[in-house]
C-alpha atoms as a PDB file:
ATOM      1  CA  MET A   1     110.508  10.657 247.881  1.00  0.00           C
ATOM      2  CA  THR A   2     107.818   9.906 245.302  1.00  0.00           C
ATOM      3  CA  ARG A   3     106.920   6.429 244.092  1.00  0.00           C
ATOM      4  CA  GLN A   4     107.322   7.701 240.537  1.00  0.00           C
ATOM      5  CA  LEU A   5     110.943   8.620 241.206  1.00  0.00           C
ATOM      6  CA  LEU A   6     111.720   5.231 242.763  1.00  0.00           C
ATOM      7  CA  GLN A   7     110.147   3.464 239.770  1.00  0.00           C
ATOM      8  CA  LYS A   8     112.249   5.545 237.402  1.00  0.00           C
ATOM      9  CA  VAL A   9     115.489   4.663 239.170  1.00  0.00           C
ATOM     10  CA  GLU A  10     114.475   1.000 239.382  1.00  0.00           C
ATOM     11  CA  LYS A  11     113.772   1.024 235.652  1.00  0.00           C
ATOM     12  CA  TYR A  12     117.275   2.262 234.879  1.00  0.00           C
ATOM     13  CA  LYS A  13     118.784  -0.362 237.172  1.00  0.00           C
ATOM     14  CA  ILE A  14     116.890  -3.117 235.370  1.00  0.00           C
ATOM     15  CA  LEU A  15     117.845  -1.849 231.904  1.00  0.00           C
ATOM     16  CA  GLU A  16     121.570  -1.888 232.669  1.00  0.00           C
ATOM     17  CA  THR A  17     121.433  -5.363 234.272  1.00  0.00           C
ATOM     18  CA  ARG A  18     122.473  -8.450 232.316  1.00  0.00           C
ATOM     19  CA  ILE A  19     119.590 -10.894 231.995  1.00  0.00           C
ATOM     20  CA  CYS A  20     121.737 -13.629 233.552  1.00  0.00           C
ATOM     21  CA  ASP A  21     122.138 -11.446 236.665  1.00  0.00           C
ATOM     22  CA  LEU A  22     118.421 -10.917 237.219  1.00  0.00           C
ATOM     23  CA  ASP A  23     117.310 -12.454 240.516  1.00  0.00           C
ATOM     24  CA  LEU A  24     114.077 -14.082 239.385  1.00  0.00           C
ATOM     25  CA  LYS A  25     111.842 -16.510 241.229  1.00  0.00           C
ATOM     26  CA  PHE A  26     108.585 -18.237 240.485  1.00  0.00           C
ATOM     27  CA  ASP A  27     106.340 -16.230 242.760  1.00  0.00           C
ATOM     28  CA  GLY A  28     103.625 -13.595 242.624  1.00  0.00           C
ATOM     29  CA  LEU A  29     101.470 -13.612 239.488  1.00  0.00           C
ATOM     30  CA  ILE A  30     103.282 -16.374 237.597  1.00  0.00           C
ATOM     31  CA  LEU A  31     103.229 -18.720 240.606  1.00  0.00           C
ATOM     32  CA  LYS A  32      99.495 -18.141 240.990  1.00  0.00           C
ATOM     33  CA  LEU A  33      98.903 -19.059 237.346  1.00  0.00           C
ATOM     34  CA  LEU A  34     101.209 -22.090 237.465  1.00  0.00           C
ATOM     35  CA  ARG A  35      99.194 -23.343 240.413  1.00  0.00           C
ATOM     36  CA  LYS A  36      96.011 -22.704 238.476  1.00  0.00           C
ATOM     37  CA  VAL A  37      97.047 -24.847 235.484  1.00  0.00           C
ATOM     38  CA  ALA A  38      98.344 -27.513 237.888  1.00  0.00           C
ATOM     39  CA  ALA A  39      94.861 -27.593 239.421  1.00  0.00           C
ATOM     40  CA  GLU A  40      93.367 -27.983 235.929  1.00  0.00           C
ATOM     41  CA  LEU A  41      95.616 -30.989 235.296  1.00  0.00           C
ATOM     42  CA  ARG A  42      94.731 -32.411 238.690  1.00  0.00           C
ATOM     43  CA  ARG A  43      90.991 -32.117 237.985  1.00  0.00           C
ATOM     44  CA  ARG A  44      91.582 -34.151 234.833  1.00  0.00           C
ATOM     45  CA  GLY A  45      93.415 -36.761 236.877  1.00  0.00           C
ATOM     46  CA  ILE A  46      96.696 -36.053 235.050  1.00  0.00           C
ATOM     47  CA  ARG A  47      99.730 -36.758 237.219  1.00  0.00           C
ATOM     48  CA  PHE A  48     102.255 -35.337 234.754  1.00  0.00           C
ATOM     49  CA  ARG A  49     103.985 -32.062 235.632  1.00  0.00           C
ATOM     50  CA  PRO A  50     106.479 -30.292 233.346  1.00  0.00           C
ATOM     51  CA  GLU A  51     109.645 -28.459 234.329  1.00  0.00           C
ATOM     52  CA  TYR A  52     109.499 -24.670 234.126  1.00  0.00           C
ATOM     53  CA  TYR A  53     112.380 -22.248 233.665  1.00  0.00           C
ATOM     54  CA  TYR A  54     112.863 -18.600 232.714  1.00  0.00           C
ATOM     55  CA  GLY A  55     114.108 -17.781 229.229  1.00  0.00           C
ATOM     56  CA  THR A  56     113.665 -15.083 226.603  1.00  0.00           C
ATOM     57  CA  GLY A  57     110.266 -16.229 225.328  1.00  0.00           C
ATOM     58  CA  TRP A  58     107.587 -18.910 225.367  1.00  0.00           C
ATOM     59  CA  GLY A  59     108.431 -22.434 224.286  1.00  0.00           C
ATOM     60  CA  CYS A  60     108.802 -26.111 225.030  1.00  0.00           C
ATOM     61  CA  VAL A  61     112.119 -27.699 224.133  1.00  0.00           C
ATOM     62  CA  ASP A  62     111.590 -30.352 221.443  1.00  0.00           C
ATOM     63  CA  ARG A  63     111.229 -33.897 222.818  1.00  0.00           C
ATOM     64  CA  SER A  64     111.607 -32.710 226.418  1.00  0.00           C
ATOM     65  CA  ILE A  65     109.315 -31.726 229.295  1.00  0.00           C
ATOM     66  CA  SER A  66     110.976 -28.320 229.808  1.00  0.00           C
ATOM     67  CA  ILE A  67     108.769 -25.258 229.346  1.00  0.00           C
ATOM     68  CA  GLU A  68     110.329 -21.841 228.870  1.00  0.00           C
ATOM     69  CA  ILE A  69     108.559 -18.855 230.410  1.00  0.00           C
ATOM     70  CA  PRO A  70     109.536 -15.278 229.425  1.00  0.00           C
ATOM     71  CA  PHE A  71     111.801 -13.673 232.018  1.00  0.00           C
ATOM     72  CA  TRP A  72     109.630 -10.553 232.261  1.00  0.00           C
ATOM     73  CA  PHE A  73     107.118 -12.506 234.316  1.00  0.00           C
ATOM     74  CA  GLY A  74     109.755 -12.812 237.034  1.00  0.00           C
ATOM     75  CA  SER A  75     108.882  -9.480 238.652  1.00  0.00           C
ATOM     76  CA  LYS A  76     106.284  -6.734 238.566  1.00  0.00           C
ATOM     77  CA  ALA A  77     108.881  -4.169 237.431  1.00  0.00           C
ATOM     78  CA  LEU A  78     109.879  -6.356 234.469  1.00  0.00           C
ATOM     79  CA  ARG A  79     106.237  -6.842 233.471  1.00  0.00           C
ATOM     80  CA  GLN A  80     105.754  -3.066 233.500  1.00  0.00           C
ATOM     81  CA  LEU A  81     108.857  -2.660 231.347  1.00  0.00           C
ATOM     82  CA  GLU A  82     107.631  -5.280 228.867  1.00  0.00           C
ATOM     83  CA  ASN A  83     104.259  -3.558 228.748  1.00  0.00           C
ATOM     84  CA  GLU A  84     105.961  -0.254 227.952  1.00  0.00           C
ATOM     85  CA  LEU A  85     108.517  -1.464 225.422  1.00  0.00           C
ATOM     86  CA  ASN A  86     106.718  -4.263 223.592  1.00  0.00           C
ATOM     87  CA  LEU A  87     104.386  -3.016 220.882  1.00  0.00           C
ATOM     88  CA  GLY A  88     101.814  -5.676 221.763  1.00  0.00           C
ATOM     89  CA  GLY A  89     102.055  -5.046 225.491  1.00  0.00           C
ATOM     90  CA  VAL A  90     102.513  -7.635 228.205  1.00  0.00           C
ATOM     91  CA  GLU A  91     100.151 -10.615 228.274  1.00  0.00           C
ATOM     92  CA  ASN A  92      97.243 -10.478 230.716  1.00  0.00           C
ATOM     93  CA  GLU A  93      96.380 -13.365 233.046  1.00  0.00           C
ATOM     94  CA  ASN A  94      94.076 -15.039 230.547  1.00  0.00           C
ATOM     95  CA  GLU A  95      96.694 -14.866 227.795  1.00  0.00           C
ATOM     96  CA  ILE A  96      99.360 -16.315 230.104  1.00  0.00           C
ATOM     97  CA  LEU A  97      97.059 -19.226 230.972  1.00  0.00           C
ATOM     98  CA  MET A  98      96.424 -19.811 227.266  1.00  0.00           C
ATOM     99  CA  ALA A  99     100.167 -19.976 226.617  1.00  0.00           C
ATOM    100  CA  LEU A 100     100.768 -22.301 229.578  1.00  0.00           C
ATOM    101  CA  ARG A 101      98.071 -24.750 228.466  1.00  0.00           C
ATOM    102  CA  HIS A 102      99.538 -24.731 224.959  1.00  0.00           C
ATOM    103  CA  GLU A 103     103.101 -25.424 226.142  1.00  0.00           C
ATOM    104  CA  ILE A 104     101.905 -28.141 228.545  1.00  0.00           C
ATOM    105  CA  GLY A 105     100.271 -29.759 225.503  1.00  0.00           C
ATOM    106  CA  HIS A 106     103.689 -29.910 223.811  1.00  0.00           C
ATOM    107  CA  ALA A 107     105.353 -31.328 226.932  1.00  0.00           C
ATOM    108  CA  ILE A 108     102.729 -34.065 227.325  1.00  0.00           C
ATOM    109  CA  LEU A 109     102.998 -34.978 223.644  1.00  0.00           C
ATOM    110  CA  TYR A 110     106.750 -35.504 224.065  1.00  0.00           C
ATOM    111  CA  ALA A 111     106.591 -37.086 227.533  1.00  0.00           C
ATOM    112  CA  TYR A 112     104.218 -39.866 226.439  1.00  0.00           C
ATOM    113  CA  ARG A 113     105.370 -39.994 222.787  1.00  0.00           C
ATOM    114  CA  ILE A 114     101.758 -39.672 221.691  1.00  0.00           C
ATOM    115  CA  TYR A 115     102.902 -38.608 218.211  1.00  0.00           C
ATOM    116  CA  ARG A 116     103.919 -42.243 217.581  1.00  0.00           C
ATOM    117  CA  ASP A 117     100.274 -43.355 217.721  1.00  0.00           C
ATOM    118  CA  ARG A 118      98.828 -44.056 214.256  1.00  0.00           C
ATOM    119  CA  GLU A 119      95.532 -42.402 215.060  1.00  0.00           C
ATOM    120  CA  TRP A 120      97.405 -39.274 216.132  1.00  0.00           C
ATOM    121  CA  GLY A 121      99.108 -39.193 212.717  1.00  0.00           C
ATOM    122  CA  ARG A 122      95.809 -39.599 210.882  1.00  0.00           C
ATOM    123  CA  LEU A 123      94.220 -36.736 212.798  1.00  0.00           C
ATOM    124  CA  PHE A 124      97.066 -34.254 213.199  1.00  0.00           C
ATOM    125  CA  GLY A 125      99.501 -35.113 210.388  1.00  0.00           C
ATOM    126  CA  ASN A 126     103.139 -36.050 210.019  1.00  0.00           C
ATOM    127  CA  MET A 127     105.257 -34.987 212.996  1.00  0.00           C
ATOM    128  CA  LYS A 128     108.315 -34.964 210.713  1.00  0.00           C
ATOM    129  CA  LYS A 129     106.866 -32.213 208.563  1.00  0.00           C
ATOM    130  CA  VAL A 130     109.364 -29.352 208.163  1.00  0.00           C
ATOM    131  CA  TYR A 131     108.752 -26.700 210.806  1.00  0.00           C
ATOM    132  CA  ARG A 132     108.743 -23.171 209.401  1.00  0.00           C
ATOM    133  CA  ASP A 133     108.081 -19.839 211.065  1.00  0.00           C
ATOM    134  CA  TYR A 134     106.164 -18.655 208.021  1.00  0.00           C
ATOM    135  CA  TYR A 135     102.915 -20.471 207.255  1.00  0.00           C
ATOM    136  CA  ILE A 136      99.755 -19.861 205.263  1.00  0.00           C
ATOM    137  CA  TYR A 137      96.486 -20.420 207.090  1.00  0.00           C
ATOM    138  CA  ASN A 138      92.825 -20.652 206.213  1.00  0.00           C
ATOM    139  CA  PRO A 139      90.882 -18.331 208.554  1.00  0.00           C
ATOM    140  CA  TRP A 140      87.652 -20.252 207.866  1.00  0.00           C
ATOM    141  CA  SER A 141      89.049 -23.731 208.554  1.00  0.00           C
ATOM    142  CA  LYS A 142      86.714 -26.075 210.436  1.00  0.00           C
ATOM    143  CA  ARG A 143      89.493 -28.625 210.942  1.00  0.00           C
ATOM    144  CA  HIS A 144      91.426 -26.640 213.525  1.00  0.00           C
ATOM    145  CA  VAL A 145      90.613 -25.124 216.897  1.00  0.00           C
ATOM    146  CA  ARG A 146      91.016 -21.418 217.505  1.00  0.00           C
ATOM    147  CA  HIS A 147      93.066 -20.697 220.594  1.00  0.00           C
ATOM    148  CA  LEU A 148      96.217 -18.602 220.163  1.00  0.00           C
ATOM    149  CA  PRO A 149      96.180 -15.749 217.597  1.00  0.00           C
ATOM    150  CA  ASP A 150      96.972 -16.134 213.878  1.00  0.00           C
ATOM    151  CA  HIS A 151      95.275 -19.538 213.640  1.00  0.00           C
ATOM    152  CA  TYR A 152      98.373 -21.081 215.204  1.00  0.00           C
ATOM    153  CA  ALA A 153      96.966 -24.620 215.056  1.00  0.00           C
ATOM    154  CA  GLN A 154      97.537 -24.576 211.292  1.00  0.00           C
ATOM    155  CA  LYS A 155     101.282 -23.988 211.573  1.00  0.00           C
ATOM    156  CA  HIS A 156     102.410 -27.606 212.134  1.00  0.00           C
ATOM    157  CA  PRO A 157     100.941 -30.911 213.411  1.00  0.00           C
ATOM    158  CA  ASP A 158     102.833 -30.369 216.686  1.00  0.00           C
ATOM    159  CA  GLU A 159     101.130 -26.979 217.129  1.00  0.00           C
ATOM    160  CA  ASP A 160      97.775 -28.394 216.057  1.00  0.00           C
ATOM    161  CA  TRP A 161      97.971 -30.912 218.908  1.00  0.00           C
ATOM    162  CA  ALA A 162      99.101 -28.306 221.458  1.00  0.00           C
ATOM    163  CA  GLU A 163      96.273 -25.959 220.512  1.00  0.00           C
ATOM    164  CA  THR A 164      93.690 -28.750 220.591  1.00  0.00           C
ATOM    165  CA  PHE A 165      94.969 -29.945 223.967  1.00  0.00           C
ATOM    166  CA  ALA A 166      94.789 -26.378 225.345  1.00  0.00           C
ATOM    167  CA  VAL A 167      91.131 -26.052 224.308  1.00  0.00           C
ATOM    168  CA  TRP A 168      90.366 -29.440 225.852  1.00  0.00           C
ATOM    169  CA  LEU A 169      92.142 -28.572 229.133  1.00  0.00           C
ATOM    170  CA  LYS A 170      90.563 -25.150 229.597  1.00  0.00           C
ATOM    171  CA  PRO A 171      87.754 -25.269 232.185  1.00  0.00           C
ATOM    172  CA  ARG A 172      84.294 -24.525 230.794  1.00  0.00           C
ATOM    173  CA  SER A 173      85.582 -24.328 227.208  1.00  0.00           C
ATOM    174  CA  ASN A 174      82.361 -26.113 226.136  1.00  0.00           C
ATOM    175  CA  TRP A 175      84.244 -27.718 223.263  1.00  0.00           C
ATOM    176  CA  LYS A 176      81.651 -30.439 222.676  1.00  0.00           C
ATOM    177  CA  THR A 177      79.066 -27.806 221.779  1.00  0.00           C
ATOM    178  CA  LYS A 178      81.357 -25.225 220.180  1.00  0.00           C
ATOM    179  CA  TYR A 179      83.028 -27.728 217.838  1.00  0.00           C
ATOM    180  CA  GLY A 180      80.255 -30.343 217.824  1.00  0.00           C
ATOM    181  CA  LYS A 181      79.372 -29.944 214.157  1.00  0.00           C
ATOM    182  CA  THR A 182      82.911 -29.577 212.797  1.00  0.00           C
ATOM    183  CA  PRO A 183      85.640 -32.077 211.787  1.00  0.00           C
ATOM    184  CA  VAL A 184      87.834 -30.782 214.644  1.00  0.00           C
ATOM    185  CA  LYS A 185      85.531 -32.569 217.094  1.00  0.00           C
ATOM    186  CA  ARG A 186      87.305 -35.845 216.267  1.00  0.00           C
ATOM    187  CA  LYS A 187      90.616 -34.337 217.365  1.00  0.00           C
ATOM    188  CA  LEU A 188      89.161 -33.144 220.656  1.00  0.00           C
ATOM    189  CA  GLU A 189      87.557 -36.521 221.280  1.00  0.00           C
ATOM    190  CA  TYR A 190      90.920 -38.150 220.597  1.00  0.00           C
ATOM    191  CA  VAL A 191      92.587 -35.866 223.165  1.00  0.00           C
ATOM    192  CA  ASP A 192      89.853 -36.740 225.655  1.00  0.00           C
ATOM    193  CA  THR A 193      90.267 -40.482 225.050  1.00  0.00           C
ATOM    194  CA  ILE A 194      94.085 -40.633 225.058  1.00  0.00           C
ATOM    195  CA  MET A 195      94.402 -38.452 228.148  1.00  0.00           C
ATOM    196  CA  ARG A 196      92.002 -40.689 230.067  1.00  0.00           C
ATOM    197  CA  GLU A 197      94.200 -43.649 229.124  1.00  0.00           C
ATOM    198  CA  ILE A 198      97.534 -42.154 230.155  1.00  0.00           C
ATOM    199  CA  ALA A 199      96.500 -39.701 232.887  1.00  0.00           C
ATOM    200  CA  HIS A 200      97.554 -41.976 235.761  1.00  0.00           C
ATOM    201  CA  MET A 201     100.722 -43.290 234.062  1.00  0.00           C
ATOM    202  CA  GLU A 202     104.306 -42.218 234.633  1.00  0.00           C
ATOM    203  CA  PRO A 203     105.616 -40.716 231.372  1.00  0.00           C
ATOM    204  CA  PRO A 204     108.270 -42.803 229.594  1.00  0.00           C
ATOM    205  CA  VAL A 205     110.190 -39.603 228.804  1.00  0.00           C
ATOM    206  CA  ALA A 206     111.340 -37.362 231.643  1.00  0.00           C
ATOM    207  CA  LYS A 207     114.081 -35.558 229.726  1.00  0.00           C
ATOM    208  CA  THR A 208     114.700 -31.934 230.704  1.00  0.00           C
ATOM    209  CA  ASP A 209     116.548 -29.633 228.350  1.00  0.00           C
ATOM    210  CA  ARG A 210     116.780 -25.863 228.520  1.00  0.00           C
ATOM    211  CA  ASP A 211     117.016 -23.732 225.397  1.00  0.00           C
ATOM    212  CA  GLU A 212     118.743 -20.439 226.253  1.00  0.00           C
ATOM    213  CA  PRO A 213     117.811 -20.157 229.938  1.00  0.00           C
ATOM    214  CA  ILE A 214     118.408 -16.737 231.484  1.00  0.00           C
ATOM    215  CA  GLU A 215     121.552 -18.044 233.216  1.00  0.00           C
ATOM    216  CA  LYS A 216     123.228 -18.125 229.792  1.00  0.00           C
ATOM    217  CA  VAL A 217     121.915 -14.825 228.415  1.00  0.00           C
ATOM    218  CA  ARG A 218     124.722 -12.279 228.774  1.00  0.00           C
ATOM    219  CA  MET A 219     123.003  -9.333 227.092  1.00  0.00           C
ATOM    220  CA  THR A 220     121.533  -6.579 229.238  1.00  0.00           C
ATOM    221  CA  VAL A 221     117.810  -5.962 229.409  1.00  0.00           C
ATOM    222  CA  ALA A 222     118.382  -2.761 227.402  1.00  0.00           C
ATOM    223  CA  GLU A 223     120.159  -4.757 224.677  1.00  0.00           C
ATOM    224  CA  PHE A 224     117.317  -7.300 224.633  1.00  0.00           C
ATOM    225  CA  TYR A 225     114.848  -4.495 223.929  1.00  0.00           C
ATOM    226  CA  LYS A 226     117.310  -2.767 221.542  1.00  0.00           C
ATOM    227  CA  ILE A 227     117.503   0.355 223.709  1.00  0.00           C
ATOM    228  CA  ASN A 228     120.453   2.739 223.482  1.00  0.00           C
ATOM    229  CA  LEU A 229     121.143   3.564 227.129  1.00  0.00           C
ATOM    230  CA  VAL A 230     123.779   6.161 226.235  1.00  0.00           C
ATOM    231  CA  SER A 231     121.210   8.295 224.426  1.00  0.00           C
ATOM    232  CA  ARG A 232     118.787   7.900 227.315  1.00  0.00           C
ATOM    233  CA  VAL A 233     121.401   9.051 229.796  1.00  0.00           C
ATOM    234  CA  ASP A 234     122.089  12.131 227.680  1.00  0.00           C
ATOM    235  CA  LYS A 235     118.393  13.034 227.720  1.00  0.00           C
ATOM    236  CA  ASP A 236     117.697  12.420 231.414  1.00  0.00           C
ATOM    237  CA  ASP A 237     119.553  14.145 234.240  1.00  0.00           C
ATOM    238  CA  LEU A 238     118.514  11.453 236.724  1.00  0.00           C
ATOM    239  CA  TYR A 239     120.338   8.715 234.828  1.00  0.00           C
ATOM    240  CA  GLY A 240     123.501  10.779 234.953  1.00  0.00           C
ATOM    241  CA  TYR A 241     123.466  10.582 238.734  1.00  0.00           C
ATOM    242  CA  VAL A 242     123.750   6.827 238.948  1.00  0.00           C
ATOM    243  CA  ASP A 243     127.450   6.391 238.186  1.00  0.00           C
ATOM    244  CA  ASP A 244     128.350   9.480 240.260  1.00  0.00           C
ATOM    245  CA  ILE A 245     126.518   8.159 243.319  1.00  0.00           C
ATOM    246  CA  LYS A 246     127.982   4.673 242.929  1.00  0.00           C
ATOM    247  CA  ALA A 247     131.441   6.260 242.944  1.00  0.00           C
ATOM    248  CA  ILE A 248     130.749   7.960 246.280  1.00  0.00           C
ATOM    249  CA  PHE A 249     129.126   5.081 248.172  1.00  0.00           C
ATOM    250  CA  TYR A 250     129.713   1.343 248.421  1.00  0.00           C
ATOM    251  CA  TYR A 251     127.932  -0.844 245.910  1.00  0.00           C
ATOM    252  CA  ASN A 252     126.526  -4.415 246.053  1.00  0.00           C
ATOM    253  CA  GLY A 253     124.982  -4.148 249.498  1.00  0.00           C
ATOM    254  CA  ARG A 254     127.364  -4.762 252.370  1.00  0.00           C
ATOM    255  CA  ARG A 255     125.711  -6.172 255.486  1.00  0.00           C
ATOM    256  CA  THR A 256     128.372  -5.870 258.180  1.00  0.00           C
ATOM    257  CA  ASN A 257     127.767  -3.789 261.281  1.00  0.00           C
ATOM    258  CA  SER A 258     130.275  -1.179 260.095  1.00  0.00           C
ATOM    259  CA  PHE A 259     128.006  -0.117 257.212  1.00  0.00           C
ATOM    260  CA  ARG A 260     124.643   1.599 257.097  1.00  0.00           C
ATOM    261  CA  ASP A 261     122.156   2.440 254.339  1.00  0.00           C
ATOM    262  CA  ALA A 262     123.305   5.466 252.338  1.00  0.00           C
ATOM    263  CA  TRP A 263     119.754   6.629 251.640  1.00  0.00           C
ATOM    264  CA  LYS A 264     119.063   6.965 255.376  1.00  0.00           C
ATOM    265  CA  PHE A 265     122.217   9.049 255.736  1.00  0.00           C
ATOM    266  CA  ILE A 266     121.112  11.362 252.912  1.00  0.00           C
ATOM    267  CA  HIS A 267     117.578  11.605 254.280  1.00  0.00           C
ATOM    268  CA  LYS A 268     118.908  12.615 257.701  1.00  0.00           C
ATOM    269  CA  TYR A 269     121.420  15.213 256.523  1.00  0.00           C
ATOM    270  CA  ALA A 270     119.547  16.598 253.480  1.00  0.00           C
ATOM    271  CA  PRO A 271     118.545  19.862 255.242  1.00  0.00           C
ATOM    272  CA  LEU A 272     122.158  20.491 256.311  1.00  0.00           C
ATOM    273  CA  ILE A 273     123.532  19.764 252.829  1.00  0.00           C
ATOM    274  CA  GLU A 274     120.869  22.014 251.317  1.00  0.00           C
ATOM    275  CA  ASP A 275     121.874  24.904 253.607  1.00  0.00           C
ATOM    276  CA  LYS A 276     125.577  24.461 252.816  1.00  0.00           C
ATOM    277  CA  VAL A 277     125.035  24.538 249.059  1.00  0.00           C
ATOM    278  CA  CYS A 278     122.754  27.579 249.323  1.00  0.00           C
ATOM    279  CA  GLN A 279     125.419  29.391 251.342  1.00  0.00           C
ATOM    280  CA  TRP A 280     127.948  28.825 248.569  1.00  0.00           C
ATOM    281  CA  ILE A 281     125.587  29.554 245.678  1.00  0.00           C
ATOM    282  CA  TYR A 282     123.517  32.634 246.407  1.00  0.00           C
ATOM    283  CA  TYR A 283     121.098  32.078 243.511  1.00  0.00           C
ATOM    284  CA  ALA A 284     120.565  28.366 244.164  1.00  0.00           C
ATOM    285  CA  ASP A 285     116.955  27.216 243.769  1.00  0.00           C
ATOM    286  CA  ARG A 286     116.058  25.314 246.939  1.00  0.00           C
ATOM    287  CA  GLU A 287     113.223  23.473 245.223  1.00  0.00           C
ATOM    288  CA  LYS A 288     115.568  22.136 242.519  1.00  0.00           C
ATOM    289  CA  LEU A 289     118.143  21.303 245.177  1.00  0.00           C
ATOM    290  CA  ARG A 290     115.608  19.239 247.112  1.00  0.00           C
ATOM    291  CA  LYS A 291     114.713  17.456 243.872  1.00  0.00           C
ATOM    292  CA  HIS A 292     118.388  16.579 243.301  1.00  0.00           C
ATOM    293  CA  LEU A 293     118.693  15.252 246.871  1.00  0.00           C
ATOM    294  CA  SER A 294     115.531  13.199 246.423  1.00  0.00           C
ATOM    295  CA  GLN A 295     116.927  11.718 243.224  1.00  0.00           C
ATOM    296  CA  ILE A 296     120.192  10.800 244.920  1.00  0.00           C
ATOM    297  CA  GLU A 297     118.292   9.215 247.777  1.00  0.00           C
ATOM    298  CA  GLY A 298     116.278   7.190 245.257  1.00  0.00           C
ATOM    299  CA  VAL A 299     119.442   5.935 243.540  1.00  0.00           C
ATOM    300  CA  CYS A 300     120.921   4.876 246.900  1.00  0.00           C
ATOM    301  CA  ARG A 301     117.734   3.069 247.916  1.00  0.00           C
ATOM    302  CA  THR A 302     117.326   1.226 244.613  1.00  0.00           C
ATOM    303  CA  TYR A 303     120.975   0.128 244.330  1.00  0.00           C
ATOM    304  CA  LYS A 304     121.224  -0.633 248.078  1.00  0.00           C
ATOM    305  CA  LEU A 305     124.286   1.564 248.439  1.00  0.00           C
ATOM    306  CA  LYS A 306     126.093   1.724 251.798  1.00  0.00           C
ATOM    307  CA  ILE A 307     128.168   4.166 253.798  1.00  0.00           C
ATOM    308  CA  ARG A 308     130.857   3.129 256.273  1.00  0.00           C
ATOM    309  CA  LYS A 309     130.401   4.416 259.799  1.00  0.00           C
ATOM    310  CA  GLY A 310     132.906   7.199 260.402  1.00  0.00           C
ATOM    311  CA  ASP A 311     132.897   8.329 256.744  1.00  0.00           C
ATOM    312  CA  GLU A 312     129.961  10.712 257.211  1.00  0.00           C
ATOM    313  CA  LEU A 313     131.935  13.967 256.945  1.00  0.00           C
ATOM    314  CA  GLU A 314     133.882  12.765 253.913  1.00  0.00           C
ATOM    315  CA  LYS A 315     130.762  11.626 252.099  1.00  0.00           C
ATOM    316  CA  MET A 316     128.897  14.801 253.008  1.00  0.00           C
ATOM    317  CA  SER A 317     131.683  16.826 251.419  1.00  0.00           C
ATOM    318  CA  GLU A 318     131.626  14.703 248.266  1.00  0.00           C
ATOM    319  CA  LEU A 319     127.852  15.024 248.010  1.00  0.00           C
ATOM    320  CA  THR A 320     128.042  18.771 248.498  1.00  0.00           C
ATOM    321  CA  VAL A 321     130.607  19.093 245.713  1.00  0.00           C
ATOM    322  CA  LEU A 322     128.456  16.950 243.405  1.00  0.00           C
ATOM    323  CA  LEU A 323     125.347  18.986 244.152  1.00  0.00           C
ATOM    324  CA  THR A 324     127.202  22.265 243.773  1.00  0.00           C
ATOM    325  CA  TYR A 325     128.407  21.200 240.339  1.00  0.00           C
ATOM    326  CA  ASN A 326     124.907  20.225 239.239  1.00  0.00           C
ATOM    327  CA  ILE A 327     123.300  23.392 240.584  1.00  0.00           C
ATOM    328  CA  MET A 328     125.958  25.532 238.857  1.00  0.00           C
ATOM    329  CA  TYR A 329     125.320  23.575 235.655  1.00  0.00           C
ATOM    330  CA  ASP A 330     121.583  24.325 235.964  1.00  0.00           C
ATOM    331  CA  LEU A 331     122.310  28.036 236.447  1.00  0.00           C
ATOM    332  CA  TYR A 332     124.462  28.319 233.333  1.00  0.00           C
END
């Protein structure tokens, strides 16, 4: 069975899964990068650590220390899907680190209520300014750092702080030289001064609040990406197998001794099933038949389907009927 086939079946499984049912953990790439930004905070002597959770995008819940990380960083397969379906592609490691530093800036601002400081207001503006998604920016501004795209620091005083903090936190950003002859240097110096003052302190605010965590998102991954699965099924024979195979075998992974992996059963008896079908259908194409069997095996492996011991003959008959139907369909 090819890796390409397994990836295709896995992709379909992910698309039909509700986001709340995704089994996601902080491991792999995202864990590595979370540890990296934690090390950056540690090198600055900052004891504060935010709370992280998976949601449907980047963000930090207002006045809390909760940082939302997009759910597609929860697995390699989801990252590949995001890279395929999102016009901008999935973020690379550097872009993820940029986003993390930015969101940590928000969380620290809220945790220590830095926005209440008069000097903060003079430098960054009024925190109560209306927050709008649409904003007009000056691409030549010397009063704002450049970190995230679209001159994001100019969107709101809250974002200005988060962007400035991110530049300050980034190792080897060389901000003293890069911004040394611009008005934004005062903001960076303020970040440097205030963080030295509060780095060792426990934050007065430890509120956690989650805005649309994945546990509450009932839509499927396909719905999130606005994909019509029905049309995809109609265009791809492999997708049509999934429901048929689920109807034959047991779903949701049983682990008792009376069950075994269905894909191992198919792998073992594939030559026998192939011979039986070819006996019934004289013009059957063995190469296509092997492809069908490989697809069925891939579905069983991906969905962790099971077969009860003693049901081998029954399931072999059902598989043979299914394959016969599909081969006859191919012929006509």
